[in-house]
Amino acid sequence: MMIKEFRDFILKGNMIDLAVGVIIGAAFGKVITEFTGVLLKTITAFAKVEEVGSVMIGAVDIGPLINSMISLLLVGFALFIVVKAYTTAKARFEKPAAPAGPPEPTAEEKLLAEIRDLLKSKA
């Protein structure tokens, strides 16, 4: 019983999507980290900083902080693009909702219709 429920839970589309997202996100994070490392090396080369990855303000090394901030911005932008593409594709492939028929008249509306019909018959 419990194993069947667990299997159903794991095989839901949302869990599989989450697992794939985590794995791809981890791999993509490594790529972005390397990219920002190269970007930071290029920036420090133009800034004539002697030690690559070391940008000092006073006695504080802010190179790793800059690297992390650039990584965060790039990962955030990439995730935004992926989520936007996913929601656009999902909306395109979903069936449009069938238009609902007219709502059932309420008891008050039925009573008013009866009164109207009685008044018409007397006139």
PDB file of N, CA and C in Angstrom:
ATOM      1  N   MET A   1       0.837  -1.189   0.000  1.00  0.00           N
ATOM      2  CA  MET A   1       0.000   0.000   0.000  1.00  0.00           C
ATOM      3  C   MET A   1       0.881   1.252   0.000  1.00  0.00           C
ATOM      4  N   MET A   2       1.786   1.343   0.963  1.00  0.00           N
ATOM      5  CA  MET A   2       2.629   2.522   1.081  1.00  0.00           C
ATOM      6  C   MET A   2       3.612   2.601  -0.088  1.00  0.00           C
ATOM      7  N   ILE A   3       4.086   1.457  -0.550  1.00  0.00           N
ATOM      8  CA  ILE A   3       5.023   1.441  -1.669  1.00  0.00           C
ATOM      9  C   ILE A   3       4.329   1.936  -2.933  1.00  0.00           C
ATOM     10  N   LYS A   4       3.079   1.524  -3.133  1.00  0.00           N
ATOM     11  CA  LYS A   4       2.318   1.977  -4.302  1.00  0.00           C
ATOM     12  C   LYS A   4       2.112   3.491  -4.257  1.00  0.00           C
ATOM     13  N   GLU A   5       1.778   4.021  -3.086  1.00  0.00           N
ATOM     14  CA  GLU A   5       1.592   5.466  -2.950  1.00  0.00           C
ATOM     15  C   GLU A   5       2.893   6.211  -3.222  1.00  0.00           C
ATOM     16  N   PHE A   6       4.004   5.668  -2.708  1.00  0.00           N
ATOM     17  CA  PHE A   6       5.299   6.295  -2.938  1.00  0.00           C
ATOM     18  C   PHE A   6       5.647   6.279  -4.427  1.00  0.00           C
ATOM     19  N   ARG A   7       5.387   5.139  -5.082  1.00  0.00           N
ATOM     20  CA  ARG A   7       5.665   5.035  -6.516  1.00  0.00           C
ATOM     21  C   ARG A   7       4.828   6.048  -7.302  1.00  0.00           C
ATOM     22  N   ASP A   8       3.551   6.166  -6.966  1.00  0.00           N
ATOM     23  CA  ASP A   8       2.689   7.139  -7.641  1.00  0.00           C
ATOM     24  C   ASP A   8       3.191   8.565  -7.419  1.00  0.00           C
ATOM     25  N   PHE A   9       3.659   8.837  -6.206  1.00  0.00           N
ATOM     26  CA  PHE A   9       4.182  10.167  -5.881  1.00  0.00           C
ATOM     27  C   PHE A   9       5.433  10.476  -6.701  1.00  0.00           C
ATOM     28  N   ILE A  10       6.333   9.511  -6.787  1.00  0.00           N
ATOM     29  CA  ILE A  10       7.592   9.710  -7.503  1.00  0.00           C
ATOM     30  C   ILE A  10       7.353   9.845  -9.005  1.00  0.00           C
ATOM     31  N   LEU A  11       6.398   9.096  -9.527  1.00  0.00           N
ATOM     32  CA  LEU A  11       6.179   9.094 -10.970  1.00  0.00           C
ATOM     33  C   LEU A  11       5.287  10.226 -11.451  1.00  0.00           C
ATOM     34  N   LYS A  12       4.849  11.083 -10.551  1.00  0.00           N
ATOM     35  CA  LYS A  12       4.083  12.246 -10.987  1.00  0.00           C
ATOM     36  C   LYS A  12       4.983  13.120 -11.843  1.00  0.00           C
ATOM     37  N   GLY A  13       4.384  13.818 -12.769  1.00  0.00           N
ATOM     38  CA  GLY A  13       5.148  14.674 -13.670  1.00  0.00           C
ATOM     39  C   GLY A  13       5.935  15.744 -12.942  1.00  0.00           C
ATOM     40  N   ASN A  14       5.376  16.291 -11.871  1.00  0.00           N
ATOM     41  CA  ASN A  14       6.056  17.374 -11.166  1.00  0.00           C
ATOM     42  C   ASN A  14       7.349  16.896 -10.518  1.00  0.00           C
ATOM     43  N   MET A  15       7.345  15.702  -9.951  1.00  0.00           N
ATOM     44  CA  MET A  15       8.560  15.191  -9.306  1.00  0.00           C
ATOM     45  C   MET A  15       9.648  14.932 -10.336  1.00  0.00           C
ATOM     46  N   ILE A  16       9.269  14.361 -11.460  1.00  0.00           N
ATOM     47  CA  ILE A  16      10.255  14.081 -12.500  1.00  0.00           C
ATOM     48  C   ILE A  16      10.803  15.394 -13.052  1.00  0.00           C
ATOM     49  N   ASP A  17       9.923  16.372 -13.275  1.00  0.00           N
ATOM     50  CA  ASP A  17      10.380  17.688 -13.735  1.00  0.00           C
ATOM     51  C   ASP A  17      11.347  18.307 -12.737  1.00  0.00           C
ATOM     52  N   LEU A  18      11.037  18.179 -11.456  1.00  0.00           N
ATOM     53  CA  LEU A  18      11.901  18.732 -10.417  1.00  0.00           C
ATOM     54  C   LEU A  18      13.263  18.051 -10.423  1.00  0.00           C
ATOM     55  N   ALA A  19      13.280  16.724 -10.534  1.00  0.00           N
ATOM     56  CA  ALA A  19      14.548  15.995 -10.538  1.00  0.00           C
ATOM     57  C   ALA A  19      15.404  16.395 -11.736  1.00  0.00           C
ATOM     58  N   VAL A  20      14.790  16.468 -12.896  1.00  0.00           N
ATOM     59  CA  VAL A  20      15.527  16.873 -14.097  1.00  0.00           C
ATOM     60  C   VAL A  20      16.041  18.300 -13.934  1.00  0.00           C
ATOM     61  N   GLY A  21      15.207  19.170 -13.382  1.00  0.00           N
ATOM     62  CA  GLY A  21      15.615  20.559 -13.179  1.00  0.00           C
ATOM     63  C   GLY A  21      16.797  20.693 -12.239  1.00  0.00           C
ATOM     64  N   VAL A  22      16.797  19.907 -11.168  1.00  0.00           N
ATOM     65  CA  VAL A  22      17.901  19.971 -10.204  1.00  0.00           C
ATOM     66  C   VAL A  22      19.199  19.494 -10.848  1.00  0.00           C
ATOM     67  N   ILE A  23      19.129  18.402 -11.586  1.00  0.00           N
ATOM     68  CA  ILE A  23      20.338  17.856 -12.218  1.00  0.00           C
ATOM     69  C   ILE A  23      20.880  18.820 -13.270  1.00  0.00           C
ATOM     70  N   ILE A  24      20.004  19.321 -14.117  1.00  0.00           N
ATOM     71  CA  ILE A  24      20.447  20.259 -15.150  1.00  0.00           C
ATOM     72  C   ILE A  24      20.924  21.559 -14.513  1.00  0.00           C
ATOM     73  N   GLY A  25      20.243  21.997 -13.458  1.00  0.00           N
ATOM     74  CA  GLY A  25      20.652  23.217 -12.769  1.00  0.00           C
ATOM     75  C   GLY A  25      22.042  23.104 -12.171  1.00  0.00           C
ATOM     76  N   ALA A  26      22.351  21.943 -11.597  1.00  0.00           N
ATOM     77  CA  ALA A  26      23.683  21.745 -11.023  1.00  0.00           C
ATOM     78  C   ALA A  26      24.752  21.790 -12.115  1.00  0.00           C
ATOM     79  N   ALA A  27      24.490  21.112 -13.222  1.00  0.00           N
ATOM     80  CA  ALA A  27      25.455  21.115 -14.322  1.00  0.00           C
ATOM     81  C   ALA A  27      25.581  22.514 -14.922  1.00  0.00           C
ATOM     82  N   PHE A  28      24.457  23.192 -15.076  1.00  0.00           N
ATOM     83  CA  PHE A  28      24.466  24.533 -15.650  1.00  0.00           C
ATOM     84  C   PHE A  28      25.176  25.507 -14.718  1.00  0.00           C
ATOM     85  N   GLY A  29      25.020  25.311 -13.414  1.00  0.00           N
ATOM     86  CA  GLY A  29      25.709  26.161 -12.440  1.00  0.00           C
ATOM     87  C   GLY A  29      27.221  26.067 -12.575  1.00  0.00           C
ATOM     88  N   LYS A  30      27.714  24.857 -12.825  1.00  0.00           N
ATOM     89  CA  LYS A  30      29.158  24.685 -13.013  1.00  0.00           C
ATOM     90  C   LYS A  30      29.635  25.417 -14.269  1.00  0.00           C
ATOM     91  N   VAL A  31      28.850  25.330 -15.334  1.00  0.00           N
ATOM     92  CA  VAL A  31      29.213  26.017 -16.578  1.00  0.00           C
ATOM     93  C   VAL A  31      29.247  27.528 -16.350  1.00  0.00           C
ATOM     94  N   ILE A  32      28.243  28.045 -15.668  1.00  0.00           N
ATOM     95  CA  ILE A  32      28.184  29.485 -15.404  1.00  0.00           C
ATOM     96  C   ILE A  32      29.342  29.914 -14.508  1.00  0.00           C
ATOM     97  N   THR A  33      29.686  29.093 -13.517  1.00  0.00           N
ATOM     98  CA  THR A  33      30.808  29.423 -12.636  1.00  0.00           C
ATOM     99  C   THR A  33      32.106  29.521 -13.439  1.00  0.00           C
ATOM    100  N   GLU A  34      32.323  28.575 -14.321  1.00  0.00           N
ATOM    101  CA  GLU A  34      33.528  28.625 -15.156  1.00  0.00           C
ATOM    102  C   GLU A  34      33.499  29.837 -16.082  1.00  0.00           C
ATOM    103  N   PHE A  35      32.333  30.116 -16.644  1.00  0.00           N
ATOM    104  CA  PHE A  35      32.202  31.264 -17.545  1.00  0.00           C
ATOM    105  C   PHE A  35      32.510  32.562 -16.807  1.00  0.00           C
ATOM    106  N   THR A  36      31.976  32.717 -15.609  1.00  0.00           N
ATOM    107  CA  THR A  36      32.243  33.950 -14.864  1.00  0.00           C
ATOM    108  C   THR A  36      33.695  34.017 -14.415  1.00  0.00           C
ATOM    109  N   GLY A  37      34.309  32.861 -14.165  1.00  0.00           N
ATOM    110  CA  GLY A  37      35.735  32.858 -13.849  1.00  0.00           C
ATOM    111  C   GLY A  37      36.560  33.390 -15.011  1.00  0.00           C
ATOM    112  N   VAL A  38      36.230  32.943 -16.212  1.00  0.00           N
ATOM    113  CA  VAL A  38      36.918  33.434 -17.411  1.00  0.00           C
ATOM    114  C   VAL A  38      36.624  34.914 -17.608  1.00  0.00           C
ATOM    115  N   LEU A  39      35.375  35.298 -17.404  1.00  0.00           N
ATOM    116  CA  LEU A  39      34.990  36.703 -17.543  1.00  0.00           C
ATOM    117  C   LEU A  39      35.739  37.569 -16.538  1.00  0.00           C
ATOM    118  N   LEU A  40      35.844  37.096 -15.307  1.00  0.00           N
ATOM    119  CA  LEU A  40      36.560  37.845 -14.277  1.00  0.00           C
ATOM    120  C   LEU A  40      38.050  37.941 -14.605  1.00  0.00           C
ATOM    121  N   LYS A  41      38.620  36.863 -15.145  1.00  0.00           N
ATOM    122  CA  LYS A  41      40.033  36.905 -15.545  1.00  0.00           C
ATOM    123  C   LYS A  41      40.249  37.935 -16.650  1.00  0.00           C
ATOM    124  N   THR A  42      39.310  37.991 -17.586  1.00  0.00           N
ATOM    125  CA  THR A  42      39.419  38.965 -18.677  1.00  0.00           C
ATOM    126  C   THR A  42      39.327  40.385 -18.143  1.00  0.00           C
ATOM    127  N   ILE A  43      38.377  40.612 -17.252  1.00  0.00           N
ATOM    128  CA  ILE A  43      38.211  41.953 -16.672  1.00  0.00           C
ATOM    129  C   ILE A  43      39.446  42.348 -15.874  1.00  0.00           C
ATOM    130  N   THR A  44      39.979  41.420 -15.087  1.00  0.00           N
ATOM    131  CA  THR A  44      41.159  41.743 -14.287  1.00  0.00           C
ATOM    132  C   THR A  44      42.384  41.954 -15.171  1.00  0.00           C
ATOM    133  N   ALA A  45      42.438  41.284 -16.320  1.00  0.00           N
ATOM    134  CA  ALA A  45      43.559  41.505 -17.241  1.00  0.00           C
ATOM    135  C   ALA A  45      43.504  42.923 -17.803  1.00  0.00           C
ATOM    136  N   PHE A  46      42.304  43.386 -18.139  1.00  0.00           N
ATOM    137  CA  PHE A  46      42.170  44.757 -18.639  1.00  0.00           C
ATOM    138  C   PHE A  46      42.410  45.781 -17.539  1.00  0.00           C
ATOM    139  N   ALA A  47      42.096  45.417 -16.306  1.00  0.00           N
ATOM    140  CA  ALA A  47      42.279  46.338 -15.184  1.00  0.00           C
ATOM    141  C   ALA A  47      43.707  46.291 -14.647  1.00  0.00           C
ATOM    142  N   LYS A  48      44.547  45.454 -15.243  1.00  0.00           N
ATOM    143  CA  LYS A  48      45.954  45.317 -14.852  1.00  0.00           C
ATOM    144  C   LYS A  48      46.112  44.859 -13.398  1.00  0.00           C
ATOM    145  N   VAL A  49      45.215  43.962 -12.979  1.00  0.00           N
ATOM    146  CA  VAL A  49      45.338  43.369 -11.650  1.00  0.00           C
ATOM    147  C   VAL A  49      46.333  42.223 -11.771  1.00  0.00           C
ATOM    148  N   GLU A  50      47.293  42.170 -10.851  1.00  0.00           N
ATOM    149  CA  GLU A  50      48.375  41.202 -10.977  1.00  0.00           C
ATOM    150  C   GLU A  50      47.911  39.772 -10.739  1.00  0.00           C
ATOM    151  N   GLU A  51      47.145  39.535  -9.697  1.00  0.00           N
ATOM    152  CA  GLU A  51      46.712  38.179  -9.375  1.00  0.00           C
ATOM    153  C   GLU A  51      45.305  37.966  -9.915  1.00  0.00           C
ATOM    154  N   VAL A  52      45.158  36.951 -10.762  1.00  0.00           N
ATOM    155  CA  VAL A  52      43.863  36.685 -11.383  1.00  0.00           C
ATOM    156  C   VAL A  52      42.870  36.232 -10.316  1.00  0.00           C
ATOM    157  N   GLY A  53      41.686  36.794 -10.349  1.00  0.00           N
ATOM    158  CA  GLY A  53      40.654  36.434  -9.375  1.00  0.00           C
ATOM    159  C   GLY A  53      40.777  37.195  -8.079  1.00  0.00           C
ATOM    160  N   SER A  54      41.733  38.115  -8.007  1.00  0.00           N
ATOM    161  CA  SER A  54      41.931  38.875  -6.789  1.00  0.00           C
ATOM    162  C   SER A  54      41.751  40.354  -7.092  1.00  0.00           C
ATOM    163  N   VAL A  55      40.643  40.886  -6.650  1.00  0.00           N
ATOM    164  CA  VAL A  55      40.382  42.317  -6.789  1.00  0.00           C
ATOM    165  C   VAL A  55      40.300  42.854  -5.371  1.00  0.00           C
ATOM    166  N   MET A  56      41.233  43.702  -5.025  1.00  0.00           N
ATOM    167  CA  MET A  56      41.331  44.170  -3.644  1.00  0.00           C
ATOM    168  C   MET A  56      40.761  45.577  -3.511  1.00  0.00           C
ATOM    169  N   ILE A  57      39.981  45.764  -2.476  1.00  0.00           N
ATOM    170  CA  ILE A  57      39.566  47.098  -2.047  1.00  0.00           C
ATOM    171  C   ILE A  57      40.086  47.211  -0.621  1.00  0.00           C
ATOM    172  N   GLY A  58      41.137  47.969  -0.470  1.00  0.00           N
ATOM    173  CA  GLY A  58      41.804  48.021   0.828  1.00  0.00           C
ATOM    174  C   GLY A  58      42.430  46.665   1.097  1.00  0.00           C
ATOM    175  N   ALA A  59      42.038  46.046   2.190  1.00  0.00           N
ATOM    176  CA  ALA A  59      42.570  44.730   2.534  1.00  0.00           C
ATOM    177  C   ALA A  59      41.570  43.620   2.238  1.00  0.00           C
ATOM    178  N   VAL A  60      40.451  43.962   1.575  1.00  0.00           N
ATOM    179  CA  VAL A  60      39.387  42.983   1.329  1.00  0.00           C
ATOM    180  C   VAL A  60      39.449  42.515  -0.125  1.00  0.00           C
ATOM    181  N   ASP A  61      39.495  41.198  -0.297  1.00  0.00           N
ATOM    182  CA  ASP A  61      39.492  40.599  -1.632  1.00  0.00           C
ATOM    183  C   ASP A  61      38.036  40.414  -2.070  1.00  0.00           C
ATOM    184  N   ILE A  62      37.594  41.199  -3.054  1.00  0.00           N
ATOM    185  CA  ILE A  62      36.199  41.108  -3.497  1.00  0.00           C
ATOM    186  C   ILE A  62      36.061  40.329  -4.805  1.00  0.00           C
ATOM    187  N   GLY A  63      37.131  39.725  -5.281  1.00  0.00           N
ATOM    188  CA  GLY A  63      37.078  38.928  -6.511  1.00  0.00           C
ATOM    189  C   GLY A  63      36.055  37.804  -6.446  1.00  0.00           C
ATOM    190  N   PRO A  64      36.088  36.971  -5.396  1.00  0.00           N
ATOM    191  CA  PRO A  64      35.083  35.901  -5.306  1.00  0.00           C
ATOM    192  C   PRO A  64      33.649  36.436  -5.205  1.00  0.00           C
ATOM    193  N   LEU A  65      33.476  37.573  -4.550  1.00  0.00           N
ATOM    194  CA  LEU A  65      32.140  38.171  -4.448  1.00  0.00           C
ATOM    195  C   LEU A  65      31.645  38.615  -5.821  1.00  0.00           C
ATOM    196  N   ILE A  66      32.511  39.253  -6.587  1.00  0.00           N
ATOM    197  CA  ILE A  66      32.131  39.670  -7.940  1.00  0.00           C
ATOM    198  C   ILE A  66      31.798  38.449  -8.790  1.00  0.00           C
ATOM    199  N   ASN A  67      32.616  37.407  -8.670  1.00  0.00           N
ATOM    200  CA  ASN A  67      32.379  36.168  -9.409  1.00  0.00           C
ATOM    201  C   ASN A  67      31.018  35.581  -9.049  1.00  0.00           C
ATOM    202  N   SER A  68      30.694  35.539  -7.765  1.00  0.00           N
ATOM    203  CA  SER A  68      29.408  34.986  -7.327  1.00  0.00           C
ATOM    204  C   SER A  68      28.239  35.839  -7.792  1.00  0.00           C
ATOM    205  N   MET A  69      28.394  37.149  -7.766  1.00  0.00           N
ATOM    206  CA  MET A  69      27.304  38.031  -8.205  1.00  0.00           C
ATOM    207  C   MET A  69      27.048  37.880  -9.703  1.00  0.00           C
ATOM    208  N   ILE A  70      28.101  37.790 -10.482  1.00  0.00           N
ATOM    209  CA  ILE A  70      27.929  37.592 -11.924  1.00  0.00           C
ATOM    210  C   ILE A  70      27.284  36.236 -12.182  1.00  0.00           C
ATOM    211  N   SER A  71      27.716  35.204 -11.449  1.00  0.00           N
ATOM    212  CA  SER A  71      27.111  33.874 -11.597  1.00  0.00           C
ATOM    213  C   SER A  71      25.628  33.914 -11.277  1.00  0.00           C
ATOM    214  N   LEU A  72      25.269  34.581 -10.187  1.00  0.00           N
ATOM    215  CA  LEU A  72      23.864  34.675  -9.792  1.00  0.00           C
ATOM    216  C   LEU A  72      23.034  35.356 -10.877  1.00  0.00           C
ATOM    217  N   LEU A  73      23.530  36.457 -11.413  1.00  0.00           N
ATOM    218  CA  LEU A  73      22.793  37.164 -12.462  1.00  0.00           C
ATOM    219  C   LEU A  73      22.638  36.316 -13.719  1.00  0.00           C
ATOM    220  N   LEU A  74      23.694  35.635 -14.119  1.00  0.00           N
ATOM    221  CA  LEU A  74      23.618  34.817 -15.328  1.00  0.00           C
ATOM    222  C   LEU A  74      22.704  33.613 -15.142  1.00  0.00           C
ATOM    223  N   VAL A  75      22.795  32.944 -14.002  1.00  0.00           N
ATOM    224  CA  VAL A  75      21.914  31.798 -13.741  1.00  0.00           C
ATOM    225  C   VAL A  75      20.467  32.265 -13.648  1.00  0.00           C
ATOM    226  N   GLY A  76      20.229  33.371 -12.965  1.00  0.00           N
ATOM    227  CA  GLY A  76      18.868  33.898 -12.859  1.00  0.00           C
ATOM    228  C   GLY A  76      18.284  34.247 -14.214  1.00  0.00           C
ATOM    229  N   PHE A  77      19.076  34.879 -15.068  1.00  0.00           N
ATOM    230  CA  PHE A  77      18.591  35.238 -16.400  1.00  0.00           C
ATOM    231  C   PHE A  77      18.324  33.989 -17.232  1.00  0.00           C
ATOM    232  N   ALA A  78      19.228  33.014 -17.160  1.00  0.00           N
ATOM    233  CA  ALA A  78      19.034  31.779 -17.926  1.00  0.00           C
ATOM    234  C   ALA A  78      17.789  31.036 -17.453  1.00  0.00           C
ATOM    235  N   LEU A  79      17.576  30.976 -16.147  1.00  0.00           N
ATOM    236  CA  LEU A  79      16.371  30.316 -15.629  1.00  0.00           C
ATOM    237  C   LEU A  79      15.113  31.067 -16.046  1.00  0.00           C
ATOM    238  N   PHE A  80      15.172  32.389 -16.064  1.00  0.00           N
ATOM    239  CA  PHE A  80      14.029  33.175 -16.526  1.00  0.00           C
ATOM    240  C   PHE A  80      13.682  32.816 -17.966  1.00  0.00           C
ATOM    241  N   ILE A  81      14.692  32.725 -18.826  1.00  0.00           N
ATOM    242  CA  ILE A  81      14.464  32.389 -20.232  1.00  0.00           C
ATOM    243  C   ILE A  81      13.866  30.988 -20.354  1.00  0.00           C
ATOM    244  N   VAL A  82      14.394  30.027 -19.593  1.00  0.00           N
ATOM    245  CA  VAL A  82      13.889  28.650 -19.659  1.00  0.00           C
ATOM    246  C   VAL A  82      12.448  28.580 -19.173  1.00  0.00           C
ATOM    247  N   VAL A  83      12.144  29.214 -18.051  1.00  0.00           N
ATOM    248  CA  VAL A  83      10.782  29.178 -17.512  1.00  0.00           C
ATOM    249  C   VAL A  83       9.818  29.879 -18.453  1.00  0.00           C
ATOM    250  N   LYS A  84      10.231  30.986 -19.032  1.00  0.00           N
ATOM    251  CA  LYS A  84       9.363  31.707 -19.976  1.00  0.00           C
ATOM    252  C   LYS A  84       9.074  30.845 -21.197  1.00  0.00           C
ATOM    253  N   ALA A  85      10.085  30.177 -21.733  1.00  0.00           N
ATOM    254  CA  ALA A  85       9.881  29.293 -22.883  1.00  0.00           C
ATOM    255  C   ALA A  85       8.971  28.122 -22.512  1.00  0.00           C
ATOM    256  N   TYR A  86       9.156  27.575 -21.313  1.00  0.00           N
ATOM    257  CA  TYR A  86       8.331  26.451 -20.855  1.00  0.00           C
ATOM    258  C   TYR A  86       6.869  26.857 -20.724  1.00  0.00           C
ATOM    259  N   THR A  87       6.607  28.000 -20.101  1.00  0.00           N
ATOM    260  CA  THR A  87       5.216  28.416 -19.919  1.00  0.00           C
ATOM    261  C   THR A  87       4.573  28.775 -21.254  1.00  0.00           C
ATOM    262  N   THR A  88       5.336  29.348 -22.174  1.00  0.00           N
ATOM    263  CA  THR A  88       4.798  29.657 -23.500  1.00  0.00           C
ATOM    264  C   THR A  88       4.442  28.372 -24.240  1.00  0.00           C
ATOM    265  N   ALA A  89       5.342  27.390 -24.204  1.00  0.00           N
ATOM    266  CA  ALA A  89       5.073  26.117 -24.876  1.00  0.00           C
ATOM    267  C   ALA A  89       3.909  25.385 -24.218  1.00  0.00           C
ATOM    268  N   LYS A  90       3.852  25.415 -22.909  1.00  0.00           N
ATOM    269  CA  LYS A  90       2.769  24.739 -22.191  1.00  0.00           C
ATOM    270  C   LYS A  90       1.426  25.365 -22.546  1.00  0.00           C
ATOM    271  N   ALA A  91       1.378  26.683 -22.606  1.00  0.00           N
ATOM    272  CA  ALA A  91       0.130  27.365 -22.958  1.00  0.00           C
ATOM    273  C   ALA A  91      -0.268  27.059 -24.400  1.00  0.00           C
ATOM    274  N   ARG A  92       0.695  26.903 -25.267  1.00  0.00           N
ATOM    275  CA  ARG A  92       0.399  26.627 -26.671  1.00  0.00           C
ATOM    276  C   ARG A  92      -0.176  25.226 -26.853  1.00  0.00           C
ATOM    277  N   PHE A  93       0.322  24.249 -26.084  1.00  0.00           N
ATOM    278  CA  PHE A  93      -0.101  22.866 -26.275  1.00  0.00           C
ATOM    279  C   PHE A  93      -1.284  22.450 -25.412  1.00  0.00           C
ATOM    280  N   GLU A  94      -1.662  23.263 -24.448  1.00  0.00           N
ATOM    281  CA  GLU A  94      -2.827  22.918 -23.635  1.00  0.00           C
ATOM    282  C   GLU A  94      -4.087  23.119 -24.449  1.00  0.00           C
ATOM    283  N   LYS A  95      -5.075  22.263 -24.181  1.00  0.00           N
ATOM    284  CA  LYS A  95      -6.359  22.422 -24.852  1.00  0.00           C
ATOM    285  C   LYS A  95      -7.059  23.638 -24.272  1.00  0.00           C
ATOM    286  N   PRO A  96      -7.662  24.440 -25.135  1.00  0.00           N
ATOM    287  CA  PRO A  96      -8.421  25.562 -24.578  1.00  0.00           C
ATOM    288  C   PRO A  96      -9.629  25.040 -23.813  1.00  0.00           C
ATOM    289  N   ALA A  97      -9.956  25.715 -22.754  1.00  0.00           N
ATOM    290  CA  ALA A  97     -11.079  25.295 -21.922  1.00  0.00           C
ATOM    291  C   ALA A  97     -12.370  25.433 -22.713  1.00  0.00           C
ATOM    292  N   ALA A  98     -13.205  24.404 -22.604  1.00  0.00           N
ATOM    293  CA  ALA A  98     -14.491  24.440 -23.303  1.00  0.00           C
ATOM    294  C   ALA A  98     -15.361  25.514 -22.669  1.00  0.00           C
ATOM    295  N   PRO A  99     -16.012  26.311 -23.499  1.00  0.00           N
ATOM    296  CA  PRO A  99     -16.856  27.353 -22.912  1.00  0.00           C
ATOM    297  C   PRO A  99     -18.003  26.726 -22.127  1.00  0.00           C
ATOM    298  N   ALA A 100     -18.199  27.229 -20.949  1.00  0.00           N
ATOM    299  CA  ALA A 100     -19.248  26.699 -20.083  1.00  0.00           C
ATOM    300  C   ALA A 100     -20.601  27.176 -20.588  1.00  0.00           C
ATOM    301  N   GLY A 101     -21.584  26.314 -20.432  1.00  0.00           N
ATOM    302  CA  GLY A 101     -22.939  26.677 -20.829  1.00  0.00           C
ATOM    303  C   GLY A 101     -23.488  27.714 -19.870  1.00  0.00           C
ATOM    304  N   PRO A 102     -24.679  28.182 -20.160  1.00  0.00           N
ATOM    305  CA  PRO A 102     -25.255  29.175 -19.252  1.00  0.00           C
ATOM    306  C   PRO A 102     -25.466  28.566 -17.869  1.00  0.00           C
ATOM    307  N   PRO A 103     -25.265  29.349 -16.838  1.00  0.00           N
ATOM    308  CA  PRO A 103     -25.411  28.804 -15.483  1.00  0.00           C
ATOM    309  C   PRO A 103     -26.869  28.467 -15.187  1.00  0.00           C
ATOM    310  N   GLU A 104     -27.036  27.506 -14.314  1.00  0.00           N
ATOM    311  CA  GLU A 104     -28.372  27.085 -13.879  1.00  0.00           C
ATOM    312  C   GLU A 104     -29.029  28.250 -13.150  1.00  0.00           C
ATOM    313  N   PRO A 105     -30.297  28.558 -13.479  1.00  0.00           N
ATOM    314  CA  PRO A 105     -30.954  29.673 -12.782  1.00  0.00           C
ATOM    315  C   PRO A 105     -31.124  29.370 -11.291  1.00  0.00           C
ATOM    316  N   THR A 106     -30.968  30.406 -10.507  1.00  0.00           N
ATOM    317  CA  THR A 106     -31.115  30.249  -9.060  1.00  0.00           C
ATOM    318  C   THR A 106     -32.593  30.119  -8.713  1.00  0.00           C
ATOM    319  N   ALA A 107     -32.867  29.770  -7.469  1.00  0.00           N
ATOM    320  CA  ALA A 107     -34.258  29.625  -7.018  1.00  0.00           C
ATOM    321  C   ALA A 107     -34.997  30.954  -7.154  1.00  0.00           C
ATOM    322  N   GLU A 108     -34.308  32.035  -6.878  1.00  0.00           N
ATOM    323  CA  GLU A 108     -34.932  33.359  -6.987  1.00  0.00           C
ATOM    324  C   GLU A 108     -35.290  33.669  -8.441  1.00  0.00           C
ATOM    325  N   GLU A 109     -34.391  33.324  -9.359  1.00  0.00           N
ATOM    326  CA  GLU A 109     -34.664  33.565 -10.774  1.00  0.00           C
ATOM    327  C   GLU A 109     -35.829  32.712 -11.264  1.00  0.00           C
ATOM    328  N   LYS A 110     -35.900  31.457 -10.798  1.00  0.00           N
ATOM    329  CA  LYS A 110     -37.025  30.591 -11.169  1.00  0.00           C
ATOM    330  C   LYS A 110     -38.339  31.176 -10.669  1.00  0.00           C
ATOM    331  N   LEU A 111     -38.354  31.655  -9.444  1.00  0.00           N
ATOM    332  CA  LEU A 111     -39.558  32.251  -8.869  1.00  0.00           C
ATOM    333  C   LEU A 111     -39.963  33.496  -9.652  1.00  0.00           C
ATOM    334  N   LEU A 112     -39.003  34.322 -10.005  1.00  0.00           N
ATOM    335  CA  LEU A 112     -39.311  35.515 -10.788  1.00  0.00           C
ATOM    336  C   LEU A 112     -39.860  35.146 -12.168  1.00  0.00           C
ATOM    337  N   ALA A 113     -39.331  34.093 -12.764  1.00  0.00           N
ATOM    338  CA  ALA A 113     -39.838  33.648 -14.066  1.00  0.00           C
ATOM    339  C   ALA A 113     -41.280  33.172 -13.947  1.00  0.00           C
ATOM    340  N   GLU A 114     -41.596  32.454 -12.866  1.00  0.00           N
ATOM    341  CA  GLU A 114     -42.980  32.006 -12.652  1.00  0.00           C
ATOM    342  C   GLU A 114     -43.912  33.199 -12.482  1.00  0.00           C
ATOM    343  N   ILE A 115     -43.482  34.186 -11.720  1.00  0.00           N
ATOM    344  CA  ILE A 115     -44.306  35.384 -11.519  1.00  0.00           C
ATOM    345  C   ILE A 115     -44.515  36.094 -12.854  1.00  0.00           C
ATOM    346  N   ARG A 116     -43.470  36.197 -13.649  1.00  0.00           N
ATOM    347  CA  ARG A 116     -43.581  36.828 -14.963  1.00  0.00           C
ATOM    348  C   ARG A 116     -44.585  36.086 -15.842  1.00  0.00           C
ATOM    349  N   ASP A 117     -44.469  34.756 -15.843  1.00  0.00           N
ATOM    350  CA  ASP A 117     -45.388  33.961 -16.657  1.00  0.00           C
ATOM    351  C   ASP A 117     -46.831  34.131 -16.194  1.00  0.00           C
ATOM    352  N   LEU A 118     -47.063  34.177 -14.868  1.00  0.00           N
ATOM    353  CA  LEU A 118     -48.422  34.379 -14.343  1.00  0.00           C
ATOM    354  C   LEU A 118     -48.957  35.746 -14.750  1.00  0.00           C
ATOM    355  N   LEU A 119     -48.118  36.757 -14.683  1.00  0.00           N
ATOM    356  CA  LEU A 119     -48.559  38.097 -15.077  1.00  0.00           C
ATOM    357  C   LEU A 119     -48.879  38.158 -16.572  1.00  0.00           C
ATOM    358  N   LYS A 120     -48.096  37.454 -17.389  1.00  0.00           N
ATOM    359  CA  LYS A 120     -48.366  37.419 -18.830  1.00  0.00           C
ATOM    360  C   LYS A 120     -49.691  36.724 -19.118  1.00  0.00           C
ATOM    361  N   SER A 121     -49.969  35.644 -18.381  1.00  0.00           N
ATOM    362  CA  SER A 121     -51.212  34.901 -18.633  1.00  0.00           C
ATOM    363  C   SER A 121     -52.441  35.701 -18.208  1.00  0.00           C
ATOM    364  N   LYS A 122     -52.332  36.564 -17.209  1.00  0.00           N
ATOM    365  CA  LYS A 122     -53.460  37.388 -16.758  1.00  0.00           C
ATOM    366  C   LYS A 122     -53.686  38.576 -17.686  1.00  0.00           C
ATOM    367  N   ALA A 123     -52.671  38.985 -18.384  1.00  0.00           N
ATOM    368  CA  ALA A 123     -52.820  40.177 -19.240  1.00  0.00           C
ATOM    369  C   ALA A 123     -53.479  39.879 -20.554  1.00  0.00           C
TER     370      ALA A 123
END
